[in-house]
Amino acid sequence: MGTIKAVCVSDIRGIQKKDVTSAQLQVGWGISGDAHGGNWHRQVSLLSYEKVEAFNRLGAEVLPGAFGENLVVSGFDFRSLPVGTKLRCNEALLEITQIGKECHQHCQIYHKMGDCIMPREGVFAKVLHGGTVAVGDEMVLVEDDPKPAFRAAIVTLSDKGAAGDRIDRSGEIIRTRLIEAGYEITEQIILPDDRAEIEPVLRRLADENRVNLILTTGGTGFSVRDVTPEATLAVAERNAPGISEAIRQNSMQITKRAMLSRGVSVIRGQTLMINLPGSPKAVQESLDYLLPELDHGLQILLGSAEECAR
């Protein structure tokens, strides 16, 4: 259980927020009147009161909202809570969607202290149910289902798709099949075949959004622009070659050209990344083969199942 210490908003992005003591949480937006609200996954930002106080003892002397946070709450070490954690305050219900964030431009606090706690201690959430929150209100953790759905992201790699010149049929097939299998889709993204754009997105999805599974489609062939395997390997911490080898072996029974696929499968933290082909037909065939065995692998990765032999 925690207590709200400050409720902060700003009407312009990129500036420090001010404590307004109370505000309305709005589904599909965030905090009414706050510039960072919107139909995205980072609707509300939260920061631990204890972390702010510890930072102030080092000489920071910051006021609530100085880090751009919306809610300052005592009693929680937000960094230790997994993505998907639900928090209730009065009628309002939040779900944590991201842990920390990448700092692209150092703020005034960093220039003064040589450090800033928001990139590593702050968390972000979306509003599941609206309501009023105010200083002094209690916030509690909400117990979730014992077996929550795996969280997945879909990344389509296609120059034409990113330019709007091609319909993303493969991405939609993946989305449909994952939803049917009980997965929660957190993001579906189309990117050009460019490592400089692909790699940071894969890192963000794994490190900040903490998705359990990333399925990519496209960019696994021999073309000079086919760089999906290289981008995936660049962010990998461990290799999981058996998955892609099995997909190729199964596809070889359908077409010998499956041997030309360079797709890889890797692990980063507790996120499994799998490169699927770009062809809608090949994606469908790969998922037919892959999905029945995937749950067990993810359970092992997340520590909720043991290795077993049949």
Protein backbone atom coordinates (compact mmCIF):
# COMPACT_ATOMS: atom_id res chain seq x y z
CA MET A 1 0.00 0.00 0.00
CA GLY A 2 1.19 3.49 -0.81
CA THR A 3 0.14 7.12 -0.44
CA ILE A 4 0.04 9.78 -3.14
CA LYS A 5 2.34 12.65 -2.21
CA ALA A 6 1.94 14.82 -5.32
CA VAL A 7 -0.21 15.03 -8.46
CA CYS A 8 1.66 16.93 -11.16
CA VAL A 9 0.76 18.22 -14.62
CA SER A 10 2.07 20.53 -17.32
CA ASP A 11 0.34 21.99 -20.36
CA ILE A 12 3.52 21.80 -22.47
CA ARG A 13 5.75 18.81 -23.12
CA GLY A 14 9.40 18.93 -22.16
CA ILE A 15 9.04 21.18 -19.10
CA GLN A 16 8.85 20.44 -15.39
CA LYS A 17 5.39 19.72 -14.02
CA LYS A 18 3.67 21.42 -11.08
CA ASP A 19 1.81 19.84 -8.19
CA VAL A 20 -1.92 20.57 -8.53
CA THR A 21 -2.81 18.27 -5.57
CA SER A 22 -5.65 16.50 -7.41
CA ALA A 23 -6.63 15.53 -10.96
CA GLN A 24 -8.90 13.34 -13.04
CA LEU A 25 -7.55 10.17 -14.64
CA GLN A 26 -9.15 9.61 -18.04
CA VAL A 27 -9.29 6.33 -19.97
CA GLY A 28 -7.54 6.59 -23.35
CA TRP A 29 -5.67 9.72 -22.31
CA GLY A 30 -4.05 9.85 -18.87
CA ILE A 31 -4.39 12.88 -16.60
CA SER A 32 -6.85 15.45 -17.88
CA GLY A 33 -5.04 18.63 -18.82
CA ASP A 34 -1.59 17.06 -18.93
CA ALA A 35 0.45 17.48 -22.12
CA HIS A 36 1.82 13.92 -21.96
CA GLY A 37 -1.61 12.34 -22.14
CA GLY A 38 -2.71 10.57 -25.29
CA ASN A 39 -3.69 7.29 -26.86
CA TRP A 40 -0.38 5.58 -26.19
CA HIS A 41 1.27 3.39 -23.55
CA ARG A 42 2.94 6.18 -21.52
CA GLN A 43 -0.17 8.03 -20.37
CA VAL A 44 0.85 8.49 -16.72
CA SER A 45 4.32 8.57 -15.16
CA LEU A 46 5.00 7.53 -11.57
CA LEU A 47 7.98 7.99 -9.29
CA SER A 48 8.72 6.75 -5.78
CA TYR A 49 8.62 9.44 -3.08
CA GLU A 50 11.42 7.65 -1.24
CA LYS A 51 13.66 7.77 -4.33
CA VAL A 52 13.06 11.50 -4.69
CA GLU A 53 13.83 12.12 -1.02
CA ALA A 54 17.06 10.11 -1.24
CA PHE A 55 18.08 12.14 -4.29
CA ASN A 56 17.29 15.39 -2.49
CA ARG A 57 19.54 14.37 0.39
CA LEU A 58 22.38 14.41 -2.13
CA GLY A 59 21.69 18.09 -2.74
CA ALA A 60 19.26 18.01 -5.67
CA GLU A 61 16.59 20.11 -3.91
CA VAL A 62 13.89 19.28 -6.46
CA LEU A 63 10.16 19.86 -6.06
CA PRO A 64 7.44 17.39 -7.10
CA GLY A 65 7.12 17.27 -10.89
CA ALA A 66 10.71 18.31 -11.51
CA PHE A 67 11.45 15.02 -13.27
CA GLY A 68 8.34 15.29 -15.43
CA GLU A 69 6.51 12.74 -13.27
CA ASN A 70 2.74 12.84 -12.81
CA LEU A 71 2.33 10.94 -9.56
CA VAL A 72 4.77 10.85 -6.66
CA VAL A 73 3.83 7.95 -4.41
CA SER A 74 5.32 6.71 -1.14
CA GLY A 75 5.45 3.05 -0.20
CA PHE A 76 6.39 1.61 -3.59
CA ASP A 77 9.68 0.78 -5.27
CA PHE A 78 8.16 1.08 -8.73
CA ARG A 79 11.31 -0.17 -10.44
CA SER A 80 10.83 -3.58 -8.82
CA LEU A 81 7.28 -4.02 -10.13
CA PRO A 82 6.87 -5.93 -13.40
CA VAL A 83 5.15 -4.55 -16.46
CA GLY A 84 1.49 -5.49 -16.25
CA THR A 85 1.23 -4.65 -12.54
CA LYS A 86 -2.11 -2.98 -11.76
CA LEU A 87 -2.46 -0.15 -9.25
CA ARG A 88 -5.75 1.17 -7.86
CA CYS A 89 -6.44 4.56 -6.31
CA ASN A 90 -10.08 5.17 -5.42
CA GLU A 91 -12.00 4.28 -8.61
CA ALA A 92 -8.98 4.79 -10.88
CA LEU A 93 -7.06 1.78 -12.16
CA LEU A 94 -3.61 1.95 -13.75
CA GLU A 95 -1.52 -0.72 -15.46
CA ILE A 96 2.27 -0.36 -15.62
CA THR A 97 3.39 -0.49 -19.26
CA GLN A 98 7.04 0.57 -19.17
CA ILE A 99 9.93 0.54 -16.70
CA GLY A 100 12.36 3.44 -17.01
CA LYS A 101 13.12 5.25 -20.24
CA GLU A 102 16.03 6.17 -22.44
CA CYS A 103 17.23 9.72 -21.82
CA HIS A 104 17.99 11.38 -25.17
CA GLN A 105 18.66 14.88 -23.84
CA HIS A 106 19.99 15.51 -20.35
CA CYS A 107 17.72 17.71 -18.24
CA GLN A 108 18.64 20.57 -15.93
CA ILE A 109 18.71 18.20 -12.98
CA TYR A 110 21.31 16.01 -14.70
CA HIS A 111 23.48 19.01 -15.54
CA LYS A 112 23.35 20.11 -11.89
CA MET A 113 23.81 16.71 -10.23
CA GLY A 114 25.47 14.61 -12.92
CA ASP A 115 22.59 12.20 -12.52
CA CYS A 116 18.82 11.93 -12.90
CA ILE A 117 16.68 9.22 -11.32
CA MET A 118 13.71 9.32 -13.70
CA PRO A 119 15.29 7.26 -16.54
CA ARG A 120 15.96 4.32 -14.20
CA GLU A 121 13.39 4.71 -11.38
CA GLY A 122 10.36 6.14 -13.16
CA VAL A 123 7.62 3.93 -14.57
CA PHE A 124 4.79 4.58 -16.99
CA ALA A 125 1.21 3.37 -17.01
CA LYS A 126 -2.03 3.47 -18.97
CA VAL A 127 -5.43 4.23 -17.47
CA LEU A 128 -7.76 1.21 -17.40
CA HIS A 129 -10.50 2.92 -15.39
CA GLY A 130 -10.91 6.61 -14.74
CA GLY A 131 -11.34 8.46 -11.47
CA THR A 132 -10.07 11.29 -9.29
CA VAL A 133 -6.73 11.04 -7.48
CA ALA A 134 -5.47 13.48 -4.87
CA VAL A 135 -2.64 14.02 -2.41
CA GLY A 136 -3.19 11.78 0.61
CA ASP A 137 -5.14 9.12 -1.28
CA GLU A 138 -4.10 5.51 -0.85
CA MET A 139 -2.78 3.43 -3.76
CA VAL A 140 -2.82 -0.37 -3.66
CA LEU A 141 -1.58 -3.25 -5.77
CA VAL A 142 -4.31 -5.22 -7.50
CA GLU A 143 -3.94 -8.98 -7.55
CA ASP A 144 -4.10 -10.24 -11.13
CA ASP A 145 -4.94 -13.61 -12.62
CA PRO A 146 -2.49 -16.36 -11.54
CA LYS A 147 -1.66 -17.03 -15.19
CA PRO A 148 -1.70 -13.70 -17.05
CA ALA A 149 -1.51 -13.63 -20.84
CA PHE A 150 1.91 -13.41 -22.42
CA ARG A 151 2.63 -9.92 -23.72
CA ALA A 152 3.75 -9.72 -27.35
CA ALA A 153 4.85 -7.09 -29.85
CA ILE A 154 4.80 -7.36 -33.64
CA VAL A 155 7.39 -5.59 -35.79
CA THR A 156 7.04 -5.58 -39.58
CA LEU A 157 10.19 -4.68 -41.51
CA SER A 158 9.42 -3.28 -44.93
CA ASP A 159 10.54 -0.16 -46.77
CA LYS A 160 7.31 -0.11 -48.79
CA GLY A 161 5.17 -0.86 -45.75
CA ALA A 162 6.75 1.94 -43.72
CA ALA A 163 6.16 4.33 -46.63
CA GLY A 164 2.49 3.33 -46.83
CA ASP A 165 2.88 1.69 -50.24
CA ARG A 166 2.11 -1.86 -49.07
CA ILE A 167 -0.58 -3.31 -46.80
CA ASP A 168 0.91 -5.14 -43.81
CA ARG A 169 -0.85 -8.48 -44.37
CA SER A 170 1.82 -10.48 -42.53
CA GLY A 171 1.64 -8.30 -39.43
CA GLU A 172 -2.14 -8.66 -39.33
CA ILE A 173 -1.88 -12.45 -39.64
CA ILE A 174 0.51 -12.53 -36.69
CA ARG A 175 -1.80 -10.29 -34.66
CA THR A 176 -4.85 -12.45 -35.35
CA ARG A 177 -3.07 -15.71 -34.57
CA LEU A 178 -1.54 -14.41 -31.32
CA ILE A 179 -4.85 -13.03 -30.06
CA GLU A 180 -6.51 -16.35 -30.85
CA ALA A 181 -3.76 -18.07 -28.85
CA GLY A 182 -4.43 -15.82 -25.83
CA TYR A 183 -1.57 -13.34 -26.17
CA GLU A 184 -1.91 -9.66 -25.30
CA ILE A 185 -0.62 -7.46 -28.15
CA THR A 186 1.05 -4.39 -26.68
CA GLU A 187 2.39 -2.85 -29.91
CA GLN A 188 2.30 -3.43 -33.65
CA ILE A 189 4.93 -1.46 -35.54
CA ILE A 190 6.04 -1.05 -39.16
CA LEU A 191 9.64 0.02 -39.73
CA PRO A 192 11.83 0.44 -42.82
CA ASP A 193 14.68 -2.01 -43.45
CA ASP A 194 17.17 0.09 -41.52
CA ARG A 195 19.26 -1.24 -38.63
CA ALA A 196 19.54 2.23 -37.10
CA GLU A 197 15.75 2.24 -36.66
CA ILE A 198 15.20 -1.44 -35.89
CA GLU A 199 17.72 -1.98 -33.10
CA PRO A 200 16.53 0.74 -30.67
CA VAL A 201 12.93 -0.40 -31.08
CA LEU A 202 13.84 -4.00 -30.23
CA ARG A 203 15.80 -2.80 -27.18
CA ARG A 204 12.92 -0.61 -26.01
CA LEU A 205 10.35 -3.37 -26.36
CA ALA A 206 12.55 -5.75 -24.36
CA ASP A 207 14.08 -3.44 -21.75
CA GLU A 208 11.38 -0.84 -21.13
CA ASN A 209 8.12 -2.40 -22.25
CA ARG A 210 9.24 -5.83 -20.99
CA VAL A 211 7.23 -7.78 -23.56
CA ASN A 212 7.65 -11.54 -23.37
CA LEU A 213 7.69 -12.11 -27.13
CA ILE A 214 8.68 -10.07 -30.18
CA LEU A 215 7.78 -11.50 -33.57
CA THR A 216 9.29 -9.75 -36.57
CA THR A 217 8.25 -10.32 -40.16
CA GLY A 218 10.27 -9.43 -43.24
CA GLY A 219 13.87 -8.59 -43.99
CA THR A 220 15.29 -12.12 -43.67
CA GLY A 221 16.32 -12.77 -47.28
CA PHE A 222 19.44 -12.12 -49.35
CA SER A 223 18.67 -8.57 -50.48
CA VAL A 224 21.14 -5.90 -49.39
CA ARG A 225 18.24 -4.23 -47.50
CA ASP A 226 17.36 -7.43 -45.63
CA VAL A 227 18.99 -6.64 -42.28
CA THR A 228 16.51 -8.04 -39.75
CA PRO A 229 18.78 -10.91 -38.59
CA GLU A 230 21.73 -8.57 -38.12
CA ALA A 231 19.63 -6.08 -36.13
CA THR A 232 18.22 -8.88 -33.98
CA LEU A 233 21.63 -10.40 -33.26
CA ALA A 234 23.01 -6.97 -32.39
CA VAL A 235 20.59 -6.65 -29.45
CA ALA A 236 20.75 -10.32 -28.37
CA GLU A 237 22.13 -11.55 -25.07
CA ARG A 238 21.62 -15.26 -25.78
CA ASN A 239 21.00 -17.30 -28.88
CA ALA A 240 18.01 -19.64 -29.37
CA PRO A 241 18.87 -21.21 -32.74
CA GLY A 242 16.63 -24.26 -32.46
CA ILE A 243 13.47 -22.23 -33.10
CA SER A 244 14.55 -20.78 -36.43
CA GLU A 245 16.17 -24.05 -37.46
CA ALA A 246 12.88 -25.86 -36.79
CA ILE A 247 10.87 -23.26 -38.72
CA ARG A 248 13.18 -23.66 -41.72
CA GLN A 249 13.07 -27.44 -41.50
CA ASN A 250 9.27 -27.44 -41.45
CA SER A 251 9.08 -24.93 -44.31
CA MET A 252 11.50 -27.04 -46.37
CA GLN A 253 8.75 -29.67 -46.56
CA ILE A 254 6.64 -27.07 -48.39
CA THR A 255 9.24 -25.26 -50.51
CA LYS A 256 12.98 -25.78 -50.91
CA ARG A 257 13.40 -22.01 -51.03
CA ALA A 258 12.94 -21.97 -47.26
CA MET A 259 16.68 -22.67 -47.09
CA LEU A 260 17.22 -19.08 -48.22
CA SER A 261 15.70 -17.64 -45.04
CA ARG A 262 18.29 -16.11 -42.70
CA GLY A 263 15.89 -15.56 -39.78
CA VAL A 264 17.26 -15.93 -36.24
CA SER A 265 15.81 -16.41 -32.76
CA VAL A 266 17.39 -14.82 -29.70
CA ILE A 267 16.79 -13.88 -26.07
CA ARG A 268 17.30 -10.49 -24.45
CA GLY A 269 16.54 -10.46 -20.74
CA GLN A 270 13.18 -12.17 -20.44
CA THR A 271 12.14 -11.41 -24.00
CA LEU A 272 12.18 -13.95 -26.82
CA MET A 273 12.66 -12.49 -30.32
CA ILE A 274 11.85 -14.56 -33.40
CA ASN A 275 12.32 -13.52 -37.04
CA LEU A 276 9.51 -14.76 -39.27
CA PRO A 277 9.52 -14.57 -43.09
CA GLY A 278 7.88 -11.65 -44.90
CA SER A 279 5.46 -13.69 -47.01
CA PRO A 280 1.92 -13.92 -45.51
CA LYS A 281 1.71 -17.58 -46.55
CA ALA A 282 5.07 -18.38 -44.97
CA VAL A 283 4.09 -16.51 -41.80
CA GLN A 284 0.91 -18.55 -41.51
CA GLU A 285 2.79 -21.82 -42.02
CA SER A 286 5.49 -20.82 -39.52
CA LEU A 287 2.93 -19.95 -36.84
CA ASP A 288 1.09 -23.24 -37.41
CA TYR A 289 4.31 -25.02 -36.52
CA LEU A 290 5.59 -22.63 -33.84
CA LEU A 291 2.66 -21.63 -31.63
CA PRO A 292 1.80 -25.03 -30.11
CA GLU A 293 5.26 -25.26 -28.51
CA LEU A 294 5.89 -21.59 -27.76
CA ASP A 295 4.01 -21.28 -24.45
CA HIS A 296 6.24 -23.80 -22.72
CA GLY A 297 9.41 -22.05 -23.89
CA LEU A 298 8.14 -18.69 -22.61
CA GLN A 299 7.16 -20.24 -19.29
CA ILE A 300 10.70 -21.55 -18.88
CA LEU A 301 12.15 -18.17 -19.83
CA LEU A 302 9.97 -16.43 -17.24
CA GLY A 303 10.68 -19.04 -14.57
CA SER A 304 7.10 -20.30 -14.35
CA ALA A 305 7.83 -23.80 -15.66
CA GLU A 306 10.61 -26.35 -15.41
CA GLU A 307 12.60 -27.97 -18.18
CA CYS A 308 11.08 -31.32 -19.05
CA ALA A 309 11.60 -34.20 -21.45
CA ARG A 310 8.88 -36.18 -23.10
